[in-house]
Amino acid sequence: MKKFSLTAALTGLFVLGLSAVAMAADPGAMTEAAKLFAATVTAAGFGLGIAASFTGIAQGIAVKGAVEGTARNPEASGKITVTMLIGLAMIESLCIYSLVVSLILLYAYPMAEPVAKFLGM
């Protein structure tokens, strides 16, 4: 486990170090609409990443509870399974809502120029 975390940390540092080279450009060359689009992409990425992370945690807790309930009362496994699947669908819908909002933000880019002018950018 220690070796894995060290490898993951070094890989992360390597990727972050190379991102500056990969994205190197003249900062004055970006238009205001491009800056707005970059901010939108960043916000959509963070929003979806956070939503997916917490969705995964919540689903793991739900499955853990269902397995524990089935272990305590095996006769009720059918009802527990149905209830768990309905709960998982509700939890997953929150992540799907986040995906929809992120896609709306990303595909609203043709309006970026008027929005940038409206915001005074």
PDB file of N, CA and C in Angstrom:
ATOM      1  N   MET A   1       0.818  -1.193   0.000  1.00  0.00           N
ATOM      2  CA  MET A   1       0.000   0.000   0.000  1.00  0.00           C
ATOM      3  C   MET A   1       0.860   1.255   0.000  1.00  0.00           C
ATOM      4  N   LYS A   2       1.957   1.194   0.744  1.00  0.00           N
ATOM      5  CA  LYS A   2       2.847   2.343   0.815  1.00  0.00           C
ATOM      6  C   LYS A   2       3.474   2.627  -0.550  1.00  0.00           C
ATOM      7  N   LYS A   3       3.832   1.548  -1.260  1.00  0.00           N
ATOM      8  CA  LYS A   3       4.440   1.706  -2.573  1.00  0.00           C
ATOM      9  C   LYS A   3       3.445   2.302  -3.570  1.00  0.00           C
ATOM     10  N   PHE A   4       2.170   1.875  -3.455  1.00  0.00           N
ATOM     11  CA  PHE A   4       1.140   2.391  -4.347  1.00  0.00           C
ATOM     12  C   PHE A   4       0.927   3.885  -4.131  1.00  0.00           C
ATOM     13  N   SER A   5       0.852   4.319  -2.869  1.00  0.00           N
ATOM     14  CA  SER A   5       0.620   5.739  -2.600  1.00  0.00           C
ATOM     15  C   SER A   5       1.806   6.589  -3.062  1.00  0.00           C
ATOM     16  N   LEU A   6       3.016   6.072  -2.929  1.00  0.00           N
ATOM     17  CA  LEU A   6       4.182   6.797  -3.410  1.00  0.00           C
ATOM     18  C   LEU A   6       4.141   6.913  -4.936  1.00  0.00           C
ATOM     19  N   THR A   7       3.780   5.817  -5.593  1.00  0.00           N
ATOM     20  CA  THR A   7       3.674   5.834  -7.055  1.00  0.00           C
ATOM     21  C   THR A   7       2.588   6.801  -7.512  1.00  0.00           C
ATOM     22  N   ALA A   8       1.451   6.795  -6.832  1.00  0.00           N
ATOM     23  CA  ALA A   8       0.360   7.703  -7.197  1.00  0.00           C
ATOM     24  C   ALA A   8       0.777   9.155  -6.993  1.00  0.00           C
ATOM     25  N   ALA A   9       1.473   9.447  -5.908  1.00  0.00           N
ATOM     26  CA  ALA A   9       1.921  10.815  -5.651  1.00  0.00           C
ATOM     27  C   ALA A   9       2.924  11.280  -6.702  1.00  0.00           C
ATOM     28  N   LEU A  10       3.867  10.419  -7.046  1.00  0.00           N
ATOM     29  CA  LEU A  10       4.860  10.797  -8.062  1.00  0.00           C
ATOM     30  C   LEU A  10       4.216  10.969  -9.434  1.00  0.00           C
ATOM     31  N   THR A  11       3.252  10.115  -9.754  1.00  0.00           N
ATOM     32  CA  THR A  11       2.542  10.250 -11.035  1.00  0.00           C
ATOM     33  C   THR A  11       1.774  11.561 -11.082  1.00  0.00           C
ATOM     34  N   GLY A  12       1.115  11.900  -9.974  1.00  0.00           N
ATOM     35  CA  GLY A  12       0.386  13.166  -9.916  1.00  0.00           C
ATOM     36  C   GLY A  12       1.296  14.366 -10.085  1.00  0.00           C
ATOM     37  N   LEU A  13       2.424  14.349  -9.422  1.00  0.00           N
ATOM     38  CA  LEU A  13       3.382  15.448  -9.571  1.00  0.00           C
ATOM     39  C   LEU A  13       3.923  15.538 -10.998  1.00  0.00           C
ATOM     40  N   PHE A  14       4.162  14.380 -11.616  1.00  0.00           N
ATOM     41  CA  PHE A  14       4.658  14.358 -12.988  1.00  0.00           C
ATOM     42  C   PHE A  14       3.635  14.959 -13.947  1.00  0.00           C
ATOM     43  N   VAL A  15       2.374  14.571 -13.779  1.00  0.00           N
ATOM     44  CA  VAL A  15       1.314  15.096 -14.653  1.00  0.00           C
ATOM     45  C   VAL A  15       1.152  16.597 -14.440  1.00  0.00           C
ATOM     46  N   LEU A  16       1.143  17.039 -13.186  1.00  0.00           N
ATOM     47  CA  LEU A  16       1.004  18.464 -12.912  1.00  0.00           C
ATOM     48  C   LEU A  16       2.195  19.256 -13.447  1.00  0.00           C
ATOM     49  N   GLY A  17       3.386  18.672 -13.367  1.00  0.00           N
ATOM     50  CA  GLY A  17       4.569  19.347 -13.879  1.00  0.00           C
ATOM     51  C   GLY A  17       4.551  19.501 -15.387  1.00  0.00           C
ATOM     52  N   LEU A  18       4.039  18.499 -16.080  1.00  0.00           N
ATOM     53  CA  LEU A  18       3.993  18.574 -17.537  1.00  0.00           C
ATOM     54  C   LEU A  18       2.822  19.380 -18.067  1.00  0.00           C
ATOM     55  N   SER A  19       1.805  19.608 -17.245  1.00  0.00           N
ATOM     56  CA  SER A  19       0.651  20.350 -17.738  1.00  0.00           C
ATOM     57  C   SER A  19       1.022  21.790 -18.080  1.00  0.00           C
ATOM     58  N   ALA A  20       1.980  22.362 -17.370  1.00  0.00           N
ATOM     59  CA  ALA A  20       2.407  23.729 -17.681  1.00  0.00           C
ATOM     60  C   ALA A  20       3.063  23.795 -19.053  1.00  0.00           C
ATOM     61  N   VAL A  21       3.820  22.762 -19.402  1.00  0.00           N
ATOM     62  CA  VAL A  21       4.460  22.721 -20.719  1.00  0.00           C
ATOM     63  C   VAL A  21       3.418  22.475 -21.804  1.00  0.00           C
ATOM     64  N   ALA A  22       2.481  21.585 -21.546  1.00  0.00           N
ATOM     65  CA  ALA A  22       1.468  21.244 -22.544  1.00  0.00           C
ATOM     66  C   ALA A  22       0.536  22.408 -22.824  1.00  0.00           C
ATOM     67  N   MET A  23       0.261  23.210 -21.818  1.00  0.00           N
ATOM     68  CA  MET A  23      -0.682  24.312 -21.984  1.00  0.00           C
ATOM     69  C   MET A  23       0.015  25.662 -22.179  1.00  0.00           C
ATOM     70  N   ALA A  24       1.284  25.639 -22.483  1.00  0.00           N
ATOM     71  CA  ALA A  24       2.024  26.879 -22.633  1.00  0.00           C
ATOM     72  C   ALA A  24       1.505  27.670 -23.823  1.00  0.00           C
ATOM     73  N   ALA A  25       1.180  28.901 -23.568  1.00  0.00           N
ATOM     74  CA  ALA A  25       0.708  29.800 -24.620  1.00  0.00           C
ATOM     75  C   ALA A  25       0.885  31.220 -24.112  1.00  0.00           C
ATOM     76  N   ASP A  26       0.826  32.144 -25.038  1.00  0.00           N
ATOM     77  CA  ASP A  26       0.916  33.543 -24.670  1.00  0.00           C
ATOM     78  C   ASP A  26      -0.346  33.931 -23.907  1.00  0.00           C
ATOM     79  N   PRO A  27      -0.228  34.384 -22.663  1.00  0.00           N
ATOM     80  CA  PRO A  27      -1.435  34.688 -21.885  1.00  0.00           C
ATOM     81  C   PRO A  27      -2.276  35.803 -22.498  1.00  0.00           C
ATOM     82  N   GLY A  28      -1.665  36.687 -23.226  1.00  0.00           N
ATOM     83  CA  GLY A  28      -2.427  37.759 -23.853  1.00  0.00           C
ATOM     84  C   GLY A  28      -3.201  37.302 -25.064  1.00  0.00           C
ATOM     85  N   ALA A  29      -2.903  36.089 -25.567  1.00  0.00           N
ATOM     86  CA  ALA A  29      -3.565  35.611 -26.772  1.00  0.00           C
ATOM     87  C   ALA A  29      -4.975  35.090 -26.493  1.00  0.00           C
ATOM     88  N   MET A  30      -5.283  34.804 -25.233  1.00  0.00           N
ATOM     89  CA  MET A  30      -6.621  34.299 -24.913  1.00  0.00           C
ATOM     90  C   MET A  30      -7.634  35.431 -24.959  1.00  0.00           C
ATOM     91  N   THR A  31      -8.705  35.190 -25.661  1.00  0.00           N
ATOM     92  CA  THR A  31      -9.779  36.181 -25.678  1.00  0.00           C
ATOM     93  C   THR A  31     -10.590  36.036 -24.400  1.00  0.00           C
ATOM     94  N   GLU A  32     -11.448  36.987 -24.172  1.00  0.00           N
ATOM     95  CA  GLU A  32     -12.285  36.936 -22.971  1.00  0.00           C
ATOM     96  C   GLU A  32     -13.242  35.759 -23.032  1.00  0.00           C
ATOM     97  N   ALA A  33     -13.735  35.439 -24.234  1.00  0.00           N
ATOM     98  CA  ALA A  33     -14.628  34.295 -24.371  1.00  0.00           C
ATOM     99  C   ALA A  33     -13.893  32.999 -24.078  1.00  0.00           C
ATOM    100  N   ALA A  34     -12.624  32.920 -24.468  1.00  0.00           N
ATOM    101  CA  ALA A  34     -11.839  31.718 -24.182  1.00  0.00           C
ATOM    102  C   ALA A  34     -11.588  31.580 -22.690  1.00  0.00           C
ATOM    103  N   LYS A  35     -11.377  32.697 -21.997  1.00  0.00           N
ATOM    104  CA  LYS A  35     -11.205  32.644 -20.546  1.00  0.00           C
ATOM    105  C   LYS A  35     -12.486  32.179 -19.863  1.00  0.00           C
ATOM    106  N   LEU A  36     -13.623  32.684 -20.360  1.00  0.00           N
ATOM    107  CA  LEU A  36     -14.905  32.262 -19.805  1.00  0.00           C
ATOM    108  C   LEU A  36     -15.138  30.779 -20.055  1.00  0.00           C
ATOM    109  N   PHE A  37     -14.776  30.317 -21.244  1.00  0.00           N
ATOM    110  CA  PHE A  37     -14.940  28.895 -21.559  1.00  0.00           C
ATOM    111  C   PHE A  37     -14.023  28.041 -20.680  1.00  0.00           C
ATOM    112  N   ALA A  38     -12.797  28.489 -20.450  1.00  0.00           N
ATOM    113  CA  ALA A  38     -11.882  27.742 -19.587  1.00  0.00           C
ATOM    114  C   ALA A  38     -12.418  27.665 -18.163  1.00  0.00           C
ATOM    115  N   ALA A  39     -12.987  28.753 -17.683  1.00  0.00           N
ATOM    116  CA  ALA A  39     -13.582  28.744 -16.344  1.00  0.00           C
ATOM    117  C   ALA A  39     -14.791  27.819 -16.292  1.00  0.00           C
ATOM    118  N   THR A  40     -15.572  27.799 -17.358  1.00  0.00           N
ATOM    119  CA  THR A  40     -16.745  26.930 -17.421  1.00  0.00           C
ATOM    120  C   THR A  40     -16.341  25.462 -17.425  1.00  0.00           C
ATOM    121  N   VAL A  41     -15.329  25.124 -18.209  1.00  0.00           N
ATOM    122  CA  VAL A  41     -14.855  23.744 -18.259  1.00  0.00           C
ATOM    123  C   VAL A  41     -14.311  23.316 -16.899  1.00  0.00           C
ATOM    124  N   THR A  42     -13.582  24.201 -16.248  1.00  0.00           N
ATOM    125  CA  THR A  42     -13.051  23.887 -14.921  1.00  0.00           C
ATOM    126  C   THR A  42     -14.179  23.673 -13.917  1.00  0.00           C
ATOM    127  N   ALA A  43     -15.166  24.545 -13.935  1.00  0.00           N
ATOM    128  CA  ALA A  43     -16.292  24.418 -13.004  1.00  0.00           C
ATOM    129  C   ALA A  43     -17.074  23.135 -13.272  1.00  0.00           C
ATOM    130  N   ALA A  44     -17.300  22.814 -14.543  1.00  0.00           N
ATOM    131  CA  ALA A  44     -18.029  21.590 -14.878  1.00  0.00           C
ATOM    132  C   ALA A  44     -17.247  20.357 -14.440  1.00  0.00           C
ATOM    133  N   GLY A  45     -15.948  20.376 -14.637  1.00  0.00           N
ATOM    134  CA  GLY A  45     -15.122  19.238 -14.235  1.00  0.00           C
ATOM    135  C   GLY A  45     -15.102  19.030 -12.736  1.00  0.00           C
ATOM    136  N   PHE A  46     -14.927  20.121 -11.982  1.00  0.00           N
ATOM    137  CA  PHE A  46     -14.931  20.002 -10.523  1.00  0.00           C
ATOM    138  C   PHE A  46     -16.300  19.569 -10.012  1.00  0.00           C
ATOM    139  N   GLY A  47     -17.351  20.154 -10.565  1.00  0.00           N
ATOM    140  CA  GLY A  47     -18.699  19.802 -10.119  1.00  0.00           C
ATOM    141  C   GLY A  47     -19.022  18.340 -10.343  1.00  0.00           C
ATOM    142  N   LEU A  48     -18.682  17.843 -11.516  1.00  0.00           N
ATOM    143  CA  LEU A  48     -18.963  16.445 -11.824  1.00  0.00           C
ATOM    144  C   LEU A  48     -18.072  15.515 -11.017  1.00  0.00           C
ATOM    145  N   GLY A  49     -16.829  15.904 -10.808  1.00  0.00           N
ATOM    146  CA  GLY A  49     -15.936  15.078  -9.997  1.00  0.00           C
ATOM    147  C   GLY A  49     -16.394  14.967  -8.555  1.00  0.00           C
ATOM    148  N   ILE A  50     -16.813  16.074  -7.980  1.00  0.00           N
ATOM    149  CA  ILE A  50     -17.307  16.052  -6.601  1.00  0.00           C
ATOM    150  C   ILE A  50     -18.592  15.244  -6.511  1.00  0.00           C
ATOM    151  N   ALA A  51     -19.500  15.442  -7.461  1.00  0.00           N
ATOM    152  CA  ALA A  51     -20.763  14.699  -7.438  1.00  0.00           C
ATOM    153  C   ALA A  51     -20.529  13.202  -7.579  1.00  0.00           C
ATOM    154  N   ALA A  52     -19.629  12.818  -8.474  1.00  0.00           N
ATOM    155  CA  ALA A  52     -19.351  11.388  -8.665  1.00  0.00           C
ATOM    156  C   ALA A  52     -18.679  10.789  -7.437  1.00  0.00           C
ATOM    157  N   SER A  53     -17.808  11.542  -6.799  1.00  0.00           N
ATOM    158  CA  SER A  53     -17.139  11.040  -5.594  1.00  0.00           C
ATOM    159  C   SER A  53     -18.134  10.768  -4.477  1.00  0.00           C
ATOM    160  N   PHE A  54     -18.976  11.743  -4.201  1.00  0.00           N
ATOM    161  CA  PHE A  54     -19.937  11.557  -3.121  1.00  0.00           C
ATOM    162  C   PHE A  54     -21.017  10.541  -3.482  1.00  0.00           C
ATOM    163  N   THR A  55     -21.343  10.416  -4.760  1.00  0.00           N
ATOM    164  CA  THR A  55     -22.292   9.387  -5.183  1.00  0.00           C
ATOM    165  C   THR A  55     -21.707   8.002  -4.928  1.00  0.00           C
ATOM    166  N   GLY A  56     -20.448   7.822  -5.249  1.00  0.00           N
ATOM    167  CA  GLY A  56     -19.791   6.537  -5.001  1.00  0.00           C
ATOM    168  C   GLY A  56     -19.742   6.195  -3.521  1.00  0.00           C
ATOM    169  N   ILE A  57     -19.447   7.184  -2.696  1.00  0.00           N
ATOM    170  CA  ILE A  57     -19.413   6.954  -1.248  1.00  0.00           C
ATOM    171  C   ILE A  57     -20.805   6.578  -0.741  1.00  0.00           C
ATOM    172  N   ALA A  58     -21.818   7.317  -1.174  1.00  0.00           N
ATOM    173  CA  ALA A  58     -23.186   7.040  -0.721  1.00  0.00           C
ATOM    174  C   ALA A  58     -23.663   5.667  -1.175  1.00  0.00           C
ATOM    175  N   GLN A  59     -23.338   5.285  -2.400  1.00  0.00           N
ATOM    176  CA  GLN A  59     -23.746   3.965  -2.878  1.00  0.00           C
ATOM    177  C   GLN A  59     -23.028   2.859  -2.120  1.00  0.00           C
ATOM    178  N   GLY A  60     -21.775   3.080  -1.785  1.00  0.00           N
ATOM    179  CA  GLY A  60     -21.042   2.096  -0.996  1.00  0.00           C
ATOM    180  C   GLY A  60     -21.659   1.915   0.379  1.00  0.00           C
ATOM    181  N   ILE A  61     -22.056   3.004   1.008  1.00  0.00           N
ATOM    182  CA  ILE A  61     -22.700   2.917   2.314  1.00  0.00           C
ATOM    183  C   ILE A  61     -24.043   2.201   2.201  1.00  0.00           C
ATOM    184  N   ALA A  62     -24.797   2.478   1.133  1.00  0.00           N
ATOM    185  CA  ALA A  62     -26.097   1.821   0.947  1.00  0.00           C
ATOM    186  C   ALA A  62     -25.938   0.317   0.752  1.00  0.00           C
ATOM    187  N   VAL A  63     -24.987  -0.082  -0.060  1.00  0.00           N
ATOM    188  CA  VAL A  63     -24.763  -1.517  -0.294  1.00  0.00           C
ATOM    189  C   VAL A  63     -24.271  -2.187   0.985  1.00  0.00           C
ATOM    190  N   LYS A  64     -23.423  -1.509   1.734  1.00  0.00           N
ATOM    191  CA  LYS A  64     -22.944  -2.059   3.007  1.00  0.00           C
ATOM    192  C   LYS A  64     -24.110  -2.321   3.949  1.00  0.00           C
ATOM    193  N   GLY A  65     -25.013  -1.368   4.048  1.00  0.00           N
ATOM    194  CA  GLY A  65     -26.176  -1.539   4.915  1.00  0.00           C
ATOM    195  C   GLY A  65     -27.078  -2.670   4.455  1.00  0.00           C
ATOM    196  N   ALA A  66     -27.249  -2.794   3.132  1.00  0.00           N
ATOM    197  CA  ALA A  66     -28.092  -3.871   2.611  1.00  0.00           C
ATOM    198  C   ALA A  66     -27.477  -5.237   2.871  1.00  0.00           C
ATOM    199  N   VAL A  67     -26.177  -5.344   2.707  1.00  0.00           N
ATOM    200  CA  VAL A  67     -25.496  -6.623   2.956  1.00  0.00           C
ATOM    201  C   VAL A  67     -25.567  -6.980   4.440  1.00  0.00           C
ATOM    202  N   GLU A  68     -25.382  -5.992   5.302  1.00  0.00           N
ATOM    203  CA  GLU A  68     -25.491  -6.262   6.736  1.00  0.00           C
ATOM    204  C   GLU A  68     -26.904  -6.681   7.112  1.00  0.00           C
ATOM    205  N   GLY A  69     -27.907  -6.024   6.522  1.00  0.00           N
ATOM    206  CA  GLY A  69     -29.294  -6.391   6.795  1.00  0.00           C
ATOM    207  C   GLY A  69     -29.622  -7.792   6.316  1.00  0.00           C
ATOM    208  N   THR A  70     -29.106  -8.156   5.159  1.00  0.00           N
ATOM    209  CA  THR A  70     -29.336  -9.507   4.634  1.00  0.00           C
ATOM    210  C   THR A  70     -28.623 -10.539   5.495  1.00  0.00           C
ATOM    211  N   ALA A  71     -27.456 -10.202   6.006  1.00  0.00           N
ATOM    212  CA  ALA A  71     -26.729 -11.137   6.868  1.00  0.00           C
ATOM    213  C   ALA A  71     -27.479 -11.375   8.176  1.00  0.00           C
ATOM    214  N   ARG A  72     -28.147 -10.347   8.683  1.00  0.00           N
ATOM    215  CA  ARG A  72     -28.894 -10.498   9.930  1.00  0.00           C
ATOM    216  C   ARG A  72     -30.216 -11.224   9.731  1.00  0.00           C
ATOM    217  N   ASN A  73     -30.850 -10.979   8.593  1.00  0.00           N
ATOM    218  CA  ASN A  73     -32.168 -11.569   8.340  1.00  0.00           C
ATOM    219  C   ASN A  73     -32.217 -12.062   6.893  1.00  0.00           C
ATOM    220  N   PRO A  74     -31.736 -13.266   6.620  1.00  0.00           N
ATOM    221  CA  PRO A  74     -31.685 -13.756   5.237  1.00  0.00           C
ATOM    222  C   PRO A  74     -33.052 -13.907   4.582  1.00  0.00           C
ATOM    223  N   GLU A  75     -34.115 -14.097   5.387  1.00  0.00           N
ATOM    224  CA  GLU A  75     -35.455 -14.250   4.806  1.00  0.00           C
ATOM    225  C   GLU A  75     -35.954 -12.960   4.151  1.00  0.00           C
ATOM    226  N   ALA A  76     -35.443 -11.830   4.577  1.00  0.00           N
ATOM    227  CA  ALA A  76     -35.895 -10.540   4.057  1.00  0.00           C
ATOM    228  C   ALA A  76     -35.006 -10.027   2.934  1.00  0.00           C
ATOM    229  N   SER A  77     -34.198 -10.903   2.351  1.00  0.00           N
ATOM    230  CA  SER A  77     -33.240 -10.431   1.341  1.00  0.00           C
ATOM    231  C   SER A  77     -33.935  -9.855   0.106  1.00  0.00           C
ATOM    232  N   GLY A  78     -35.085 -10.384  -0.273  1.00  0.00           N
ATOM    233  CA  GLY A  78     -35.800  -9.857  -1.442  1.00  0.00           C
ATOM    234  C   GLY A  78     -36.244  -8.420  -1.239  1.00  0.00           C
ATOM    235  N   LYS A  79     -36.873  -8.148  -0.097  1.00  0.00           N
ATOM    236  CA  LYS A  79     -37.329  -6.783   0.188  1.00  0.00           C
ATOM    237  C   LYS A  79     -36.144  -5.832   0.350  1.00  0.00           C
ATOM    238  N   ILE A  80     -35.094  -6.314   0.999  1.00  0.00           N
ATOM    239  CA  ILE A  80     -33.905  -5.469   1.200  1.00  0.00           C
ATOM    240  C   ILE A  80     -33.269  -5.128  -0.146  1.00  0.00           C
ATOM    241  N   THR A  81     -33.196  -6.118  -1.043  1.00  0.00           N
ATOM    242  CA  THR A  81     -32.588  -5.890  -2.359  1.00  0.00           C
ATOM    243  C   THR A  81     -33.388  -4.878  -3.168  1.00  0.00           C
ATOM    244  N   VAL A  82     -34.712  -5.019  -3.158  1.00  0.00           N
ATOM    245  CA  VAL A  82     -35.555  -4.086  -3.916  1.00  0.00           C
ATOM    246  C   VAL A  82     -35.411  -2.671  -3.361  1.00  0.00           C
ATOM    247  N   THR A  83     -35.453  -2.560  -2.042  1.00  0.00           N
ATOM    248  CA  THR A  83     -35.305  -1.242  -1.420  1.00  0.00           C
ATOM    249  C   THR A  83     -33.936  -0.643  -1.712  1.00  0.00           C
ATOM    250  N   MET A  84     -32.902  -1.489  -1.683  1.00  0.00           N
ATOM    251  CA  MET A  84     -31.553  -1.004  -1.971  1.00  0.00           C
ATOM    252  C   MET A  84     -31.448  -0.511  -3.420  1.00  0.00           C
ATOM    253  N   LEU A  85     -32.009  -1.248  -4.348  1.00  0.00           N
ATOM    254  CA  LEU A  85     -31.925  -0.839  -5.758  1.00  0.00           C
ATOM    255  C   LEU A  85     -32.673   0.467  -6.010  1.00  0.00           C
ATOM    256  N   ILE A  86     -33.804   0.651  -5.367  1.00  0.00           N
ATOM    257  CA  ILE A  86     -34.524   1.919  -5.509  1.00  0.00           C
ATOM    258  C   ILE A  86     -33.696   3.057  -4.920  1.00  0.00           C
ATOM    259  N   GLY A  87     -33.089   2.814  -3.760  1.00  0.00           N
ATOM    260  CA  GLY A  87     -32.227   3.832  -3.149  1.00  0.00           C
ATOM    261  C   GLY A  87     -31.021   4.157  -4.005  1.00  0.00           C
ATOM    262  N   LEU A  88     -30.414   3.113  -4.606  1.00  0.00           N
ATOM    263  CA  LEU A  88     -29.255   3.357  -5.483  1.00  0.00           C
ATOM    264  C   LEU A  88     -29.657   4.175  -6.708  1.00  0.00           C
ATOM    265  N   ALA A  89     -30.853   3.919  -7.232  1.00  0.00           N
ATOM    266  CA  ALA A  89     -31.314   4.712  -8.386  1.00  0.00           C
ATOM    267  C   ALA A  89     -31.496   6.174  -7.999  1.00  0.00           C
ATOM    268  N   MET A  90     -32.022   6.412  -6.803  1.00  0.00           N
ATOM    269  CA  MET A  90     -32.193   7.796  -6.342  1.00  0.00           C
ATOM    270  C   MET A  90     -30.838   8.482  -6.137  1.00  0.00           C
ATOM    271  N   ILE A  91     -29.900   7.748  -5.570  1.00  0.00           N
ATOM    272  CA  ILE A  91     -28.561   8.320  -5.355  1.00  0.00           C
ATOM    273  C   ILE A  91     -27.892   8.613  -6.696  1.00  0.00           C
ATOM    274  N   GLU A  92     -28.011   7.681  -7.635  1.00  0.00           N
ATOM    275  CA  GLU A  92     -27.376   7.854  -8.947  1.00  0.00           C
ATOM    276  C   GLU A  92     -27.998   9.016  -9.713  1.00  0.00           C
ATOM    277  N   SER A  93     -29.287   9.275  -9.482  1.00  0.00           N
ATOM    278  CA  SER A  93     -29.938  10.382 -10.191  1.00  0.00           C
ATOM    279  C   SER A  93     -29.294  11.718  -9.836  1.00  0.00           C
ATOM    280  N   LEU A  94     -28.778  11.846  -8.617  1.00  0.00           N
ATOM    281  CA  LEU A  94     -28.109  13.101  -8.243  1.00  0.00           C
ATOM    282  C   LEU A  94     -26.858  13.330  -9.073  1.00  0.00           C
ATOM    283  N   CYS A  95     -26.113  12.263  -9.344  1.00  0.00           N
ATOM    284  CA  CYS A  95     -24.925  12.393 -10.183  1.00  0.00           C
ATOM    285  C   CYS A  95     -25.320  12.689 -11.629  1.00  0.00           C
ATOM    286  N   ILE A  96     -26.406  12.095 -12.076  1.00  0.00           N
ATOM    287  CA  ILE A  96     -26.871  12.350 -13.441  1.00  0.00           C
ATOM    288  C   ILE A  96     -27.322  13.800 -13.583  1.00  0.00           C
ATOM    289  N   TYR A  97     -27.966  14.356 -12.549  1.00  0.00           N
ATOM    290  CA  TYR A  97     -28.339  15.770 -12.588  1.00  0.00           C
ATOM    291  C   TYR A  97     -27.092  16.647 -12.712  1.00  0.00           C
ATOM    292  N   SER A  98     -26.051  16.295 -11.988  1.00  0.00           N
ATOM    293  CA  SER A  98     -24.799  17.044 -12.077  1.00  0.00           C
ATOM    294  C   SER A  98     -24.205  16.942 -13.484  1.00  0.00           C
ATOM    295  N   LEU A  99     -24.286  15.753 -14.073  1.00  0.00           N
ATOM    296  CA  LEU A  99     -23.799  15.581 -15.446  1.00  0.00           C
ATOM    297  C   LEU A  99     -24.592  16.454 -16.411  1.00  0.00           C
ATOM    298  N   VAL A 100     -25.899  16.508 -16.253  1.00  0.00           N
ATOM    299  CA  VAL A 100     -26.736  17.325 -17.138  1.00  0.00           C
ATOM    300  C   VAL A 100     -26.376  18.797 -17.001  1.00  0.00           C
ATOM    301  N   VAL A 101     -26.200  19.263 -15.777  1.00  0.00           N
ATOM    302  CA  VAL A 101     -25.825  20.670 -15.572  1.00  0.00           C
ATOM    303  C   VAL A 101     -24.458  20.951 -16.191  1.00  0.00           C
ATOM    304  N   SER A 102     -23.514  20.031 -16.034  1.00  0.00           N
ATOM    305  CA  SER A 102     -22.184  20.217 -16.616  1.00  0.00           C
ATOM    306  C   SER A 102     -22.251  20.260 -18.135  1.00  0.00           C
ATOM    307  N   LEU A 103     -23.038  19.384 -18.724  1.00  0.00           N
ATOM    308  CA  LEU A 103     -23.172  19.391 -20.189  1.00  0.00           C
ATOM    309  C   LEU A 103     -23.861  20.652 -20.684  1.00  0.00           C
ATOM    310  N   ILE A 104     -24.837  21.134 -19.933  1.00  0.00           N
ATOM    311  CA  ILE A 104     -25.482  22.396 -20.316  1.00  0.00           C
ATOM    312  C   ILE A 104     -24.464  23.530 -20.284  1.00  0.00           C
ATOM    313  N   LEU A 105     -23.622  23.554 -19.240  1.00  0.00           N
ATOM    314  CA  LEU A 105     -22.590  24.590 -19.169  1.00  0.00           C
ATOM    315  C   LEU A 105     -21.622  24.495 -20.334  1.00  0.00           C
ATOM    316  N   LEU A 106     -21.232  23.270 -20.684  1.00  0.00           N
ATOM    317  CA  LEU A 106     -20.250  23.101 -21.758  1.00  0.00           C
ATOM    318  C   LEU A 106     -20.826  23.429 -23.132  1.00  0.00           C
ATOM    319  N   TYR A 107     -22.066  23.043 -23.369  1.00  0.00           N
ATOM    320  CA  TYR A 107     -22.639  23.265 -24.696  1.00  0.00           C
ATOM    321  C   TYR A 107     -23.287  24.629 -24.837  1.00  0.00           C
ATOM    322  N   ALA A 108     -23.258  25.449 -23.816  1.00  0.00           N
ATOM    323  CA  ALA A 108     -23.745  26.822 -23.920  1.00  0.00           C
ATOM    324  C   ALA A 108     -22.644  27.748 -24.413  1.00  0.00           C
ATOM    325  N   TYR A 109     -21.519  27.184 -24.852  1.00  0.00           N
ATOM    326  CA  TYR A 109     -20.363  27.969 -25.291  1.00  0.00           C
ATOM    327  C   TYR A 109     -20.675  28.939 -26.427  1.00  0.00           C
ATOM    328  N   PRO A 110     -21.541  28.624 -27.399  1.00  0.00           N
ATOM    329  CA  PRO A 110     -21.800  29.627 -28.447  1.00  0.00           C
ATOM    330  C   PRO A 110     -22.297  30.955 -27.901  1.00  0.00           C
ATOM    331  N   MET A 111     -22.846  30.947 -26.711  1.00  0.00           N
ATOM    332  CA  MET A 111     -23.316  32.183 -26.101  1.00  0.00           C
ATOM    333  C   MET A 111     -22.232  32.855 -25.260  1.00  0.00           C
ATOM    334  N   ALA A 112     -21.017  32.331 -25.285  1.00  0.00           N
ATOM    335  CA  ALA A 112     -19.964  32.835 -24.397  1.00  0.00           C
ATOM    336  C   ALA A 112     -19.578  34.275 -24.721  1.00  0.00           C
ATOM    337  N   GLU A 113     -19.531  34.629 -25.976  1.00  0.00           N
ATOM    338  CA  GLU A 113     -19.137  35.984 -26.358  1.00  0.00           C
ATOM    339  C   GLU A 113     -20.124  37.028 -25.832  1.00  0.00           C
ATOM    340  N   PRO A 114     -21.436  36.857 -26.050  1.00  0.00           N
ATOM    341  CA  PRO A 114     -22.372  37.834 -25.467  1.00  0.00           C
ATOM    342  C   PRO A 114     -22.351  37.842 -23.942  1.00  0.00           C
ATOM    343  N   VAL A 115     -22.165  36.676 -23.330  1.00  0.00           N
ATOM    344  CA  VAL A 115     -22.118  36.614 -21.861  1.00  0.00           C
ATOM    345  C   VAL A 115     -20.882  37.345 -21.363  1.00  0.00           C
ATOM    346  N   ALA A 116     -19.756  37.172 -22.041  1.00  0.00           N
ATOM    347  CA  ALA A 116     -18.523  37.854 -21.632  1.00  0.00           C
ATOM    348  C   ALA A 116     -18.700  39.365 -21.740  1.00  0.00           C
ATOM    349  N   LYS A 117     -19.369  39.821 -22.789  1.00  0.00           N
ATOM    350  CA  LYS A 117     -19.612  41.264 -22.932  1.00  0.00           C
ATOM    351  C   LYS A 117     -20.562  41.760 -21.839  1.00  0.00           C
ATOM    352  N   PHE A 118     -21.574  40.925 -21.525  1.00  0.00           N
ATOM    353  CA  PHE A 118     -22.528  41.302 -20.489  1.00  0.00           C
ATOM    354  C   PHE A 118     -21.847  41.416 -19.124  1.00  0.00           C
ATOM    355  N   LEU A 119     -20.920  40.515 -18.845  1.00  0.00           N
ATOM    356  CA  LEU A 119     -20.204  40.516 -17.583  1.00  0.00           C
ATOM    357  C   LEU A 119     -19.086  41.543 -17.539  1.00  0.00           C
ATOM    358  N   GLY A 120     -18.817  42.177 -18.672  1.00  0.00           N
ATOM    359  CA  GLY A 120     -17.778  43.186 -18.724  1.00  0.00           C
ATOM    360  C   GLY A 120     -16.381  42.612 -18.817  1.00  0.00           C
ATOM    361  N   MET A 121     -16.264  41.424 -19.360  1.00  0.00           N
ATOM    362  CA  MET A 121     -14.957  40.772 -19.467  1.00  0.00           C
ATOM    363  C   MET A 121     -14.261  41.148 -20.756  1.00  0.00           C
TER     364      MET A 121
END
